[in-house]
Amino acid sequence: MQITNERTGRSLGDKVAHANTFWRRLRGLLGRRSLEPGEGLLLEPCQAVHGLGMAFTCDVVYLDADGCVVYHGQLRRNGRGPFRRDARRVLEVPEGTASEAGVQTGDRLKIKQ
């Protein structure tokens, strides 16, 4: 799937996998050594993420039911992201991607299957 910041028109990924089952969300990015540019993982439903057992740092973008950004930051190896009651999905992308795409709280992300 492809994900774009509607405000800036910049891409956050064009090879984003969809973790929309219990088992896919449970596995997440475990076992991966990194994310290549353009890759990512959209976890749904999701209100919090962790980096326990992960081998790398990544950017996380929490989205509400309308696809609007309610939080964005970095998820460090073995770290925890915040729990956000207003989040419905969390996008994990390579470190620096959210900044490059100009992501700000309130932006709407366009998700194309």
PDB file of N, CA and C in Angstrom:
ATOM      1  N   MET A   1       0.839  -1.166   0.000  1.00  0.00           N
ATOM      2  CA  MET A   1       0.000   0.000   0.000  1.00  0.00           C
ATOM      3  C   MET A   1       0.888   1.233   0.000  1.00  0.00           C
ATOM      4  N   GLN A   2       0.313   2.367  -0.430  1.00  0.00           N
ATOM      5  CA  GLN A   2       1.027   3.629  -0.501  1.00  0.00           C
ATOM      6  C   GLN A   2       0.414   4.601   0.503  1.00  0.00           C
ATOM      7  N   ILE A   3       1.281   5.347   1.194  1.00  0.00           N
ATOM      8  CA  ILE A   3       0.801   6.318   2.176  1.00  0.00           C
ATOM      9  C   ILE A   3       1.473   7.656   1.909  1.00  0.00           C
ATOM     10  N   THR A   4       0.628   8.701   1.804  1.00  0.00           N
ATOM     11  CA  THR A   4       1.093  10.036   1.459  1.00  0.00           C
ATOM     12  C   THR A   4       0.522  11.054   2.438  1.00  0.00           C
ATOM     13  N   ASN A   5       1.322  12.047   2.784  1.00  0.00           N
ATOM     14  CA  ASN A   5       0.856  13.171   3.592  1.00  0.00           C
ATOM     15  C   ASN A   5       0.068  14.090   2.659  1.00  0.00           C
ATOM     16  N   GLU A   6      -1.242  14.236   2.875  1.00  0.00           N
ATOM     17  CA  GLU A   6      -2.073  15.052   1.986  1.00  0.00           C
ATOM     18  C   GLU A   6      -1.656  16.516   1.979  1.00  0.00           C
ATOM     19  N   ARG A   7      -1.195  17.044   3.104  1.00  0.00           N
ATOM     20  CA  ARG A   7      -0.837  18.460   3.186  1.00  0.00           C
ATOM     21  C   ARG A   7       0.398  18.776   2.350  1.00  0.00           C
ATOM     22  N   THR A   8       1.418  17.919   2.430  1.00  0.00           N
ATOM     23  CA  THR A   8       2.678  18.200   1.738  1.00  0.00           C
ATOM     24  C   THR A   8       2.793  17.479   0.398  1.00  0.00           C
ATOM     25  N   GLY A   9       2.003  16.420   0.213  1.00  0.00           N
ATOM     26  CA  GLY A   9       2.101  15.614  -0.998  1.00  0.00           C
ATOM     27  C   GLY A   9       3.277  14.653  -0.987  1.00  0.00           C
ATOM     28  N   ARG A  10       3.997  14.592   0.124  1.00  0.00           N
ATOM     29  CA  ARG A  10       5.182  13.722   0.217  1.00  0.00           C
ATOM     30  C   ARG A  10       4.814  12.320   0.673  1.00  0.00           C
ATOM     31  N   SER A  11       5.527  11.355   0.151  1.00  0.00           N
ATOM     32  CA  SER A  11       5.271   9.944   0.452  1.00  0.00           C
ATOM     33  C   SER A  11       5.937   9.522   1.759  1.00  0.00           C
ATOM     34  N   LEU A  12       5.221   8.691   2.520  1.00  0.00           N
ATOM     35  CA  LEU A  12       5.806   8.045   3.692  1.00  0.00           C
ATOM     36  C   LEU A  12       6.162   6.601   3.380  1.00  0.00           C
ATOM     37  N   GLY A  13       5.684   6.099   2.264  1.00  0.00           N
ATOM     38  CA  GLY A  13       6.013   4.739   1.864  1.00  0.00           C
ATOM     39  C   GLY A  13       5.149   4.267   0.717  1.00  0.00           C
ATOM     40  N   ASP A  14       5.763   3.464  -0.148  1.00  0.00           N
ATOM     41  CA  ASP A  14       5.003   2.882  -1.256  1.00  0.00           C
ATOM     42  C   ASP A  14       5.031   1.356  -1.209  1.00  0.00           C
ATOM     43  N   LYS A  15       5.689   0.819  -0.186  1.00  0.00           N
ATOM     44  CA  LYS A  15       5.722  -0.632   0.022  1.00  0.00           C
ATOM     45  C   LYS A  15       5.377  -0.915   1.486  1.00  0.00           C
ATOM     46  N   VAL A  16       4.211  -0.420   1.908  1.00  0.00           N
ATOM     47  CA  VAL A  16       3.793  -0.534   3.306  1.00  0.00           C
ATOM     48  C   VAL A  16       2.914  -1.773   3.464  1.00  0.00           C
ATOM     49  N   ALA A  17       3.297  -2.639   4.381  1.00  0.00           N
ATOM     50  CA  ALA A  17       2.511  -3.836   4.680  1.00  0.00           C
ATOM     51  C   ALA A  17       1.405  -3.484   5.671  1.00  0.00           C
ATOM     52  N   HIS A  18       0.337  -4.272   5.649  1.00  0.00           N
ATOM     53  CA  HIS A  18      -0.815  -4.022   6.517  1.00  0.00           C
ATOM     54  C   HIS A  18      -0.911  -5.140   7.549  1.00  0.00           C
ATOM     55  N   ALA A  19      -0.697  -4.801   8.807  1.00  0.00           N
ATOM     56  CA  ALA A  19      -0.821  -5.770   9.904  1.00  0.00           C
ATOM     57  C   ALA A  19      -2.209  -5.579  10.513  1.00  0.00           C
ATOM     58  N   ASN A  20      -3.178  -6.289   9.960  1.00  0.00           N
ATOM     59  CA  ASN A  20      -4.564  -6.116  10.387  1.00  0.00           C
ATOM     60  C   ASN A  20      -5.173  -7.376  10.993  1.00  0.00           C
ATOM     61  N   THR A  21      -4.322  -8.313  11.382  1.00  0.00           N
ATOM     62  CA  THR A  21      -4.781  -9.489  12.129  1.00  0.00           C
ATOM     63  C   THR A  21      -3.979  -9.559  13.420  1.00  0.00           C
ATOM     64  N   PHE A  22      -4.473 -10.298  14.375  1.00  0.00           N
ATOM     65  CA  PHE A  22      -3.776 -10.445  15.657  1.00  0.00           C
ATOM     66  C   PHE A  22      -2.340 -10.921  15.443  1.00  0.00           C
ATOM     67  N   TRP A  23      -2.146 -11.962  14.639  1.00  0.00           N
ATOM     68  CA  TRP A  23      -0.814 -12.552  14.469  1.00  0.00           C
ATOM     69  C   TRP A  23       0.137 -11.610  13.738  1.00  0.00           C
ATOM     70  N   ARG A  24      -0.351 -10.874  12.756  1.00  0.00           N
ATOM     71  CA  ARG A  24       0.508  -9.917  12.045  1.00  0.00           C
ATOM     72  C   ARG A  24       0.919  -8.757  12.951  1.00  0.00           C
ATOM     73  N   ARG A  25      -0.021  -8.298  13.782  1.00  0.00           N
ATOM     74  CA  ARG A  25       0.317  -7.224  14.726  1.00  0.00           C
ATOM     75  C   ARG A  25       1.286  -7.735  15.782  1.00  0.00           C
ATOM     76  N   LEU A  26       1.075  -8.959  16.253  1.00  0.00           N
ATOM     77  CA  LEU A  26       1.952  -9.534  17.272  1.00  0.00           C
ATOM     78  C   LEU A  26       3.389  -9.628  16.762  1.00  0.00           C
ATOM     79  N   ARG A  27       3.564 -10.073  15.530  1.00  0.00           N
ATOM     80  CA  ARG A  27       4.908 -10.202  14.967  1.00  0.00           C
ATOM     81  C   ARG A  27       5.501  -8.834  14.653  1.00  0.00           C
ATOM     82  N   GLY A  28       4.679  -7.931  14.117  1.00  0.00           N
ATOM     83  CA  GLY A  28       5.161  -6.589  13.804  1.00  0.00           C
ATOM     84  C   GLY A  28       6.421  -6.615  12.968  1.00  0.00           C
ATOM     85  N   LEU A  29       7.437  -5.900  13.416  1.00  0.00           N
ATOM     86  CA  LEU A  29       8.715  -5.834  12.699  1.00  0.00           C
ATOM     87  C   LEU A  29       9.786  -6.728  13.330  1.00  0.00           C
ATOM     88  N   LEU A  30       9.385  -7.592  14.269  1.00  0.00           N
ATOM     89  CA  LEU A  30      10.350  -8.489  14.892  1.00  0.00           C
ATOM     90  C   LEU A  30      10.984  -9.393  13.836  1.00  0.00           C
ATOM     91  N   GLY A  31      12.282  -9.570  13.949  1.00  0.00           N
ATOM     92  CA  GLY A  31      13.021 -10.399  13.004  1.00  0.00           C
ATOM     93  C   GLY A  31      13.587  -9.608  11.838  1.00  0.00           C
ATOM     94  N   ARG A  32      13.148  -8.367  11.674  1.00  0.00           N
ATOM     95  CA  ARG A  32      13.686  -7.517  10.615  1.00  0.00           C
ATOM     96  C   ARG A  32      14.946  -6.825  11.134  1.00  0.00           C
ATOM     97  N   ARG A  33      15.928  -6.675  10.279  1.00  0.00           N
ATOM     98  CA  ARG A  33      17.154  -5.954  10.658  1.00  0.00           C
ATOM     99  C   ARG A  33      17.012  -4.456  10.413  1.00  0.00           C
ATOM    100  N   SER A  34      16.103  -4.091   9.496  1.00  0.00           N
ATOM    101  CA  SER A  34      15.893  -2.678   9.172  1.00  0.00           C
ATOM    102  C   SER A  34      14.659  -2.555   8.292  1.00  0.00           C
ATOM    103  N   LEU A  35      14.295  -1.316   8.016  1.00  0.00           N
ATOM    104  CA  LEU A  35      13.286  -0.999   7.008  1.00  0.00           C
ATOM    105  C   LEU A  35      13.987  -0.224   5.909  1.00  0.00           C
ATOM    106  N   GLU A  36      13.786  -0.611   4.681  1.00  0.00           N
ATOM    107  CA  GLU A  36      14.362   0.102   3.550  1.00  0.00           C
ATOM    108  C   GLU A  36      13.501   1.329   3.236  1.00  0.00           C
ATOM    109  N   PRO A  37      14.057   2.341   2.577  1.00  0.00           N
ATOM    110  CA  PRO A  37      13.241   3.491   2.175  1.00  0.00           C
ATOM    111  C   PRO A  37      12.017   3.017   1.384  1.00  0.00           C
ATOM    112  N   GLY A  38      10.862   3.579   1.731  1.00  0.00           N
ATOM    113  CA  GLY A  38       9.619   3.204   1.072  1.00  0.00           C
ATOM    114  C   GLY A  38       8.855   2.093   1.767  1.00  0.00           C
ATOM    115  N   GLU A  39       9.541   1.334   2.629  1.00  0.00           N
ATOM    116  CA  GLU A  39       8.883   0.254   3.362  1.00  0.00           C
ATOM    117  C   GLU A  39       8.258   0.784   4.645  1.00  0.00           C
ATOM    118  N   GLY A  40       7.310   0.037   5.165  1.00  0.00           N
ATOM    119  CA  GLY A  40       6.690   0.386   6.428  1.00  0.00           C
ATOM    120  C   GLY A  40       5.692  -0.677   6.839  1.00  0.00           C
ATOM    121  N   LEU A  41       5.082  -0.461   7.996  1.00  0.00           N
ATOM    122  CA  LEU A  41       4.069  -1.372   8.518  1.00  0.00           C
ATOM    123  C   LEU A  41       2.958  -0.533   9.133  1.00  0.00           C
ATOM    124  N   LEU A  42       1.725  -0.772   8.689  1.00  0.00           N
ATOM    125  CA  LEU A  42       0.557  -0.109   9.242  1.00  0.00           C
ATOM    126  C   LEU A  42      -0.174  -1.115  10.124  1.00  0.00           C
ATOM    127  N   LEU A  43      -0.180  -0.857  11.433  1.00  0.00           N
ATOM    128  CA  LEU A  43      -0.836  -1.739  12.393  1.00  0.00           C
ATOM    129  C   LEU A  43      -2.246  -1.228  12.658  1.00  0.00           C
ATOM    130  N   GLU A  44      -3.237  -2.133  12.531  1.00  0.00           N
ATOM    131  CA  GLU A  44      -4.636  -1.727  12.672  1.00  0.00           C
ATOM    132  C   GLU A  44      -5.479  -2.894  13.164  1.00  0.00           C
ATOM    133  N   PRO A  45      -6.258  -2.741  14.207  1.00  0.00           N
ATOM    134  CA  PRO A  45      -6.336  -1.578  15.087  1.00  0.00           C
ATOM    135  C   PRO A  45      -5.127  -1.531  16.009  1.00  0.00           C
ATOM    136  N   CYS A  46      -4.773  -0.330  16.443  1.00  0.00           N
ATOM    137  CA  CYS A  46      -3.588  -0.173  17.290  1.00  0.00           C
ATOM    138  C   CYS A  46      -3.638   1.171  17.996  1.00  0.00           C
ATOM    139  N   GLN A  47      -3.323   1.160  19.293  1.00  0.00           N
ATOM    140  CA  GLN A  47      -3.275   2.391  20.081  1.00  0.00           C
ATOM    141  C   GLN A  47      -1.932   2.600  20.767  1.00  0.00           C
ATOM    142  N   ALA A  48      -1.031   1.609  20.662  1.00  0.00           N
ATOM    143  CA  ALA A  48       0.297   1.724  21.269  1.00  0.00           C
ATOM    144  C   ALA A  48       1.221   0.698  20.628  1.00  0.00           C
ATOM    145  N   VAL A  49       2.511   0.996  20.609  1.00  0.00           N
ATOM    146  CA  VAL A  49       3.511   0.088  20.055  1.00  0.00           C
ATOM    147  C   VAL A  49       4.714   0.023  20.989  1.00  0.00           C
ATOM    148  N   HIS A  50       5.526  -0.993  20.796  1.00  0.00           N
ATOM    149  CA  HIS A  50       6.772  -1.118  21.559  1.00  0.00           C
ATOM    150  C   HIS A  50       7.870  -1.611  20.631  1.00  0.00           C
ATOM    151  N   GLY A  51       9.105  -1.384  21.041  1.00  0.00           N
ATOM    152  CA  GLY A  51      10.259  -1.816  20.271  1.00  0.00           C
ATOM    153  C   GLY A  51      11.018  -2.945  20.943  1.00  0.00           C
ATOM    154  N   LEU A  52      10.364  -3.665  21.844  1.00  0.00           N
ATOM    155  CA  LEU A  52      11.032  -4.751  22.559  1.00  0.00           C
ATOM    156  C   LEU A  52      11.467  -5.827  21.580  1.00  0.00           C
ATOM    157  N   GLY A  53      12.747  -6.119  21.554  1.00  0.00           N
ATOM    158  CA  GLY A  53      13.292  -7.130  20.666  1.00  0.00           C
ATOM    159  C   GLY A  53      13.601  -6.626  19.267  1.00  0.00           C
ATOM    160  N   MET A  54      13.303  -5.361  18.987  1.00  0.00           N
ATOM    161  CA  MET A  54      13.591  -4.830  17.654  1.00  0.00           C
ATOM    162  C   MET A  54      15.074  -4.483  17.534  1.00  0.00           C
ATOM    163  N   ALA A  55      15.578  -4.554  16.310  1.00  0.00           N
ATOM    164  CA  ALA A  55      16.996  -4.327  16.059  1.00  0.00           C
ATOM    165  C   ALA A  55      17.306  -2.903  15.606  1.00  0.00           C
ATOM    166  N   PHE A  56      16.293  -2.050  15.492  1.00  0.00           N
ATOM    167  CA  PHE A  56      16.523  -0.714  14.945  1.00  0.00           C
ATOM    168  C   PHE A  56      15.484   0.270  15.475  1.00  0.00           C
ATOM    169  N   THR A  57      15.796   1.552  15.307  1.00  0.00           N
ATOM    170  CA  THR A  57      14.878   2.635  15.647  1.00  0.00           C
ATOM    171  C   THR A  57      14.050   2.964  14.408  1.00  0.00           C
ATOM    172  N   CYS A  58      12.782   3.302  14.611  1.00  0.00           N
ATOM    173  CA  CYS A  58      11.935   3.705  13.489  1.00  0.00           C
ATOM    174  C   CYS A  58      11.050   4.876  13.909  1.00  0.00           C
ATOM    175  N   ASP A  59      10.447   5.514  12.926  1.00  0.00           N
ATOM    176  CA  ASP A  59       9.461   6.557  13.187  1.00  0.00           C
ATOM    177  C   ASP A  59       8.097   5.905  13.355  1.00  0.00           C
ATOM    178  N   VAL A  60       7.279   6.464  14.235  1.00  0.00           N
ATOM    179  CA  VAL A  60       5.906   5.990  14.401  1.00  0.00           C
ATOM    180  C   VAL A  60       4.961   7.180  14.226  1.00  0.00           C
ATOM    181  N   VAL A  61       3.871   6.922  13.520  1.00  0.00           N
ATOM    182  CA  VAL A  61       2.857   7.939  13.287  1.00  0.00           C
ATOM    183  C   VAL A  61       1.521   7.326  13.683  1.00  0.00           C
ATOM    184  N   TYR A  62       0.907   7.892  14.723  1.00  0.00           N
ATOM    185  CA  TYR A  62      -0.385   7.401  15.206  1.00  0.00           C
ATOM    186  C   TYR A  62      -1.492   8.165  14.486  1.00  0.00           C
ATOM    187  N   LEU A  63      -2.498   7.427  14.010  1.00  0.00           N
ATOM    188  CA  LEU A  63      -3.597   8.012  13.250  1.00  0.00           C
ATOM    189  C   LEU A  63      -4.932   7.744  13.926  1.00  0.00           C
ATOM    190  N   ASP A  64      -5.835   8.717  13.844  1.00  0.00           N
ATOM    191  CA  ASP A  64      -7.182   8.504  14.372  1.00  0.00           C
ATOM    192  C   ASP A  64      -8.040   7.814  13.312  1.00  0.00           C
ATOM    193  N   ALA A  65      -9.316   7.661  13.568  1.00  0.00           N
ATOM    194  CA  ALA A  65     -10.221   6.942  12.664  1.00  0.00           C
ATOM    195  C   ALA A  65     -10.340   7.625  11.302  1.00  0.00           C
ATOM    196  N   ASP A  66     -10.081   8.928  11.240  1.00  0.00           N
ATOM    197  CA  ASP A  66     -10.177   9.671   9.984  1.00  0.00           C
ATOM    198  C   ASP A  66      -8.846   9.745   9.231  1.00  0.00           C
ATOM    199  N   GLY A  67      -7.789   9.113   9.769  1.00  0.00           N
ATOM    200  CA  GLY A  67      -6.480   9.150   9.131  1.00  0.00           C
ATOM    201  C   GLY A  67      -5.675  10.388   9.462  1.00  0.00           C
ATOM    202  N   CYS A  68      -6.087  11.118  10.502  1.00  0.00           N
ATOM    203  CA  CYS A  68      -5.352  12.316  10.926  1.00  0.00           C
ATOM    204  C   CYS A  68      -4.302  11.954  11.977  1.00  0.00           C
ATOM    205  N   VAL A  69      -3.159  12.606  11.901  1.00  0.00           N
ATOM    206  CA  VAL A  69      -2.047  12.346  12.821  1.00  0.00           C
ATOM    207  C   VAL A  69      -2.388  12.898  14.205  1.00  0.00           C
ATOM    208  N   VAL A  70      -2.340  12.015  15.220  1.00  0.00           N
ATOM    209  CA  VAL A  70      -2.567  12.442  16.603  1.00  0.00           C
ATOM    210  C   VAL A  70      -1.264  12.429  17.410  1.00  0.00           C
ATOM    211  N   TYR A  71      -0.240  11.767  16.878  1.00  0.00           N
ATOM    212  CA  TYR A  71       1.080  11.729  17.531  1.00  0.00           C
ATOM    213  C   TYR A  71       2.090  11.222  16.508  1.00  0.00           C
ATOM    214  N   HIS A  72       3.315  11.727  16.580  1.00  0.00           N
ATOM    215  CA  HIS A  72       4.412  11.164  15.790  1.00  0.00           C
ATOM    216  C   HIS A  72       5.698  11.326  16.585  1.00  0.00           C
ATOM    217  N   GLY A  73       6.581  10.364  16.435  1.00  0.00           N
ATOM    218  CA  GLY A  73       7.844  10.391  17.156  1.00  0.00           C
ATOM    219  C   GLY A  73       8.710   9.218  16.741  1.00  0.00           C
ATOM    220  N   GLN A  74       9.732   8.948  17.546  1.00  0.00           N
ATOM    221  CA  GLN A  74      10.621   7.825  17.273  1.00  0.00           C
ATOM    222  C   GLN A  74      10.350   6.697  18.253  1.00  0.00           C
ATOM    223  N   LEU A  75      10.457   5.493  17.747  1.00  0.00           N
ATOM    224  CA  LEU A  75      10.379   4.297  18.577  1.00  0.00           C
ATOM    225  C   LEU A  75      11.770   3.688  18.600  1.00  0.00           C
ATOM    226  N   ARG A  76      12.424   3.804  19.738  1.00  0.00           N
ATOM    227  CA  ARG A  76      13.790   3.292  19.874  1.00  0.00           C
ATOM    228  C   ARG A  76      13.785   1.794  20.159  1.00  0.00           C
ATOM    229  N   ARG A  77      14.912   1.159  19.843  1.00  0.00           N
ATOM    230  CA  ARG A  77      15.064  -0.266  20.162  1.00  0.00           C
ATOM    231  C   ARG A  77      14.756  -0.477  21.632  1.00  0.00           C
ATOM    232  N   ASN A  78      13.940  -1.473  21.902  1.00  0.00           N
ATOM    233  CA  ASN A  78      13.537  -1.842  23.259  1.00  0.00           C
ATOM    234  C   ASN A  78      12.778  -0.742  23.998  1.00  0.00           C
ATOM    235  N   GLY A  79      12.306   0.256  23.270  1.00  0.00           N
ATOM    236  CA  GLY A  79      11.535   1.341  23.873  1.00  0.00           C
ATOM    237  C   GLY A  79      10.039   1.096  23.767  1.00  0.00           C
ATOM    238  N   ARG A  80       9.285   2.063  24.269  1.00  0.00           N
ATOM    239  CA  ARG A  80       7.826   1.997  24.210  1.00  0.00           C
ATOM    240  C   ARG A  80       7.292   3.306  23.653  1.00  0.00           C
ATOM    241  N   GLY A  81       6.272   3.190  22.827  1.00  0.00           N
ATOM    242  CA  GLY A  81       5.554   4.367  22.367  1.00  0.00           C
ATOM    243  C   GLY A  81       4.421   4.643  23.340  1.00  0.00           C
ATOM    244  N   PRO A  82       3.866   5.840  23.302  1.00  0.00           N
ATOM    245  CA  PRO A  82       2.771   6.155  24.221  1.00  0.00           C
ATOM    246  C   PRO A  82       1.492   5.421  23.846  1.00  0.00           C
ATOM    247  N   PHE A  83       0.626   5.215  24.825  1.00  0.00           N
ATOM    248  CA  PHE A  83      -0.719   4.721  24.563  1.00  0.00           C
ATOM    249  C   PHE A  83      -1.564   5.933  24.218  1.00  0.00           C
ATOM    250  N   ARG A  84      -2.253   5.869  23.081  1.00  0.00           N
ATOM    251  CA  ARG A  84      -3.118   6.967  22.656  1.00  0.00           C
ATOM    252  C   ARG A  84      -4.531   6.431  22.453  1.00  0.00           C
ATOM    253  N   ARG A  85      -5.411   6.815  23.323  1.00  0.00           N
ATOM    254  CA  ARG A  85      -6.809   6.378  23.254  1.00  0.00           C
ATOM    255  C   ARG A  85      -7.459   6.813  21.942  1.00  0.00           C
ATOM    256  N   ASP A  86      -7.030   7.965  21.396  1.00  0.00           N
ATOM    257  CA  ASP A  86      -7.631   8.490  20.178  1.00  0.00           C
ATOM    258  C   ASP A  86      -7.064   7.868  18.900  1.00  0.00           C
ATOM    259  N   ALA A  87      -6.048   7.014  19.021  1.00  0.00           N
ATOM    260  CA  ALA A  87      -5.450   6.368  17.851  1.00  0.00           C
ATOM    261  C   ALA A  87      -6.234   5.120  17.446  1.00  0.00           C
ATOM    262  N   ARG A  88      -6.260   4.863  16.150  1.00  0.00           N
ATOM    263  CA  ARG A  88      -6.873   3.644  15.608  1.00  0.00           C
ATOM    264  C   ARG A  88      -5.869   2.827  14.819  1.00  0.00           C
ATOM    265  N   ARG A  89      -4.812   3.501  14.327  1.00  0.00           N
ATOM    266  CA  ARG A  89      -3.770   2.850  13.530  1.00  0.00           C
ATOM    267  C   ARG A  89      -2.426   3.465  13.887  1.00  0.00           C
ATOM    268  N   VAL A  90      -1.368   2.677  13.712  1.00  0.00           N
ATOM    269  CA  VAL A  90      -0.012   3.202  13.895  1.00  0.00           C
ATOM    270  C   VAL A  90       0.816   2.781  12.692  1.00  0.00           C
ATOM    271  N   LEU A  91       1.484   3.752  12.096  1.00  0.00           N
ATOM    272  CA  LEU A  91       2.370   3.518  10.962  1.00  0.00           C
ATOM    273  C   LEU A  91       3.806   3.523  11.451  1.00  0.00           C
ATOM    274  N   GLU A  92       4.554   2.484  11.120  1.00  0.00           N
ATOM    275  CA  GLU A  92       5.983   2.399  11.433  1.00  0.00           C
ATOM    276  C   GLU A  92       6.752   2.496  10.123  1.00  0.00           C
ATOM    277  N   VAL A  93       7.669   3.454  10.046  1.00  0.00           N
ATOM    278  CA  VAL A  93       8.456   3.705   8.833  1.00  0.00           C
ATOM    279  C   VAL A  93       9.912   3.934   9.217  1.00  0.00           C
ATOM    280  N   PRO A  94      10.836   3.883   8.241  1.00  0.00           N
ATOM    281  CA  PRO A  94      12.249   4.086   8.563  1.00  0.00           C
ATOM    282  C   PRO A  94      12.499   5.412   9.277  1.00  0.00           C
ATOM    283  N   GLU A  95      13.483   5.399  10.143  1.00  0.00           N
ATOM    284  CA  GLU A  95      13.852   6.595  10.903  1.00  0.00           C
ATOM    285  C   GLU A  95      14.104   7.772   9.961  1.00  0.00           C
ATOM    286  N   GLY A  96      13.499   8.912  10.263  1.00  0.00           N
ATOM    287  CA  GLY A  96      13.662  10.118   9.469  1.00  0.00           C
ATOM    288  C   GLY A  96      12.584  10.325   8.413  1.00  0.00           C
ATOM    289  N   THR A  97      11.801   9.298   8.126  1.00  0.00           N
ATOM    290  CA  THR A  97      10.789   9.381   7.068  1.00  0.00           C
ATOM    291  C   THR A  97       9.700  10.396   7.394  1.00  0.00           C
ATOM    292  N   ALA A  98       9.209  10.395   8.624  1.00  0.00           N
ATOM    293  CA  ALA A  98       8.132  11.322   8.998  1.00  0.00           C
ATOM    294  C   ALA A  98       8.597  12.771   8.855  1.00  0.00           C
ATOM    295  N   SER A  99       9.815  13.036   9.266  1.00  0.00           N
ATOM    296  CA  SER A  99      10.371  14.385   9.144  1.00  0.00           C
ATOM    297  C   SER A  99      10.506  14.784   7.671  1.00  0.00           C
ATOM    298  N   GLU A 100      11.013  13.871   6.852  1.00  0.00           N
ATOM    299  CA  GLU A 100      11.184  14.142   5.423  1.00  0.00           C
ATOM    300  C   GLU A 100       9.839  14.409   4.743  1.00  0.00           C
ATOM    301  N   ALA A 101       8.786  13.772   5.222  1.00  0.00           N
ATOM    302  CA  ALA A 101       7.447  13.957   4.647  1.00  0.00           C
ATOM    303  C   ALA A 101       6.728  15.150   5.267  1.00  0.00           C
ATOM    304  N   GLY A 102       7.384  15.826   6.207  1.00  0.00           N
ATOM    305  CA  GLY A 102       6.804  17.019   6.825  1.00  0.00           C
ATOM    306  C   GLY A 102       5.620  16.736   7.731  1.00  0.00           C
ATOM    307  N   VAL A 103       5.581  15.560   8.332  1.00  0.00           N
ATOM    308  CA  VAL A 103       4.439  15.163   9.157  1.00  0.00           C
ATOM    309  C   VAL A 103       4.312  16.067  10.383  1.00  0.00           C
ATOM    310  N   GLN A 104       3.086  16.563  10.595  1.00  0.00           N
ATOM    311  CA  GLN A 104       2.740  17.361  11.761  1.00  0.00           C
ATOM    312  C   GLN A 104       1.439  16.826  12.344  1.00  0.00           C
ATOM    313  N   THR A 105       1.248  17.026  13.634  1.00  0.00           N
ATOM    314  CA  THR A 105      -0.003  16.654  14.262  1.00  0.00           C
ATOM    315  C   THR A 105      -1.147  17.382  13.538  1.00  0.00           C
ATOM    316  N   GLY A 106      -2.187  16.637  13.214  1.00  0.00           N
ATOM    317  CA  GLY A 106      -3.339  17.190  12.501  1.00  0.00           C
ATOM    318  C   GLY A 106      -3.322  16.902  11.016  1.00  0.00           C
ATOM    319  N   ASP A 107      -2.160  16.551  10.457  1.00  0.00           N
ATOM    320  CA  ASP A 107      -2.103  16.192   9.028  1.00  0.00           C
ATOM    321  C   ASP A 107      -2.956  14.955   8.774  1.00  0.00           C
ATOM    322  N   ARG A 108      -3.518  14.873   7.584  1.00  0.00           N
ATOM    323  CA  ARG A 108      -4.250  13.672   7.177  1.00  0.00           C
ATOM    324  C   ARG A 108      -3.368  12.877   6.220  1.00  0.00           C
ATOM    325  N   LEU A 109      -3.268  11.581   6.463  1.00  0.00           N
ATOM    326  CA  LEU A 109      -2.496  10.719   5.577  1.00  0.00           C
ATOM    327  C   LEU A 109      -3.446   9.987   4.645  1.00  0.00           C
ATOM    328  N   LYS A 110      -3.087   9.951   3.372  1.00  0.00           N
ATOM    329  CA  LYS A 110      -3.874   9.247   2.369  1.00  0.00           C
ATOM    330  C   LYS A 110      -3.309   7.842   2.230  1.00  0.00           C
ATOM    331  N   ILE A 111      -4.172   6.863   2.412  1.00  0.00           N
ATOM    332  CA  ILE A 111      -3.768   5.455   2.341  1.00  0.00           C
ATOM    333  C   ILE A 111      -4.400   4.838   1.096  1.00  0.00           C
ATOM    334  N   LYS A 112      -3.562   4.378   0.189  1.00  0.00           N
ATOM    335  CA  LYS A 112      -4.023   3.786  -1.066  1.00  0.00           C
ATOM    336  C   LYS A 112      -3.596   2.325  -1.100  1.00  0.00           C
ATOM    337  N   GLN A 113      -4.581   1.454  -1.246  1.00  0.00           N
ATOM    338  CA  GLN A 113      -4.302  -0.001  -1.261  1.00  0.00           C
ATOM    339  C   GLN A 113      -3.483  -0.411  -2.434  1.00  0.00           C
TER     340      GLN A 113
END
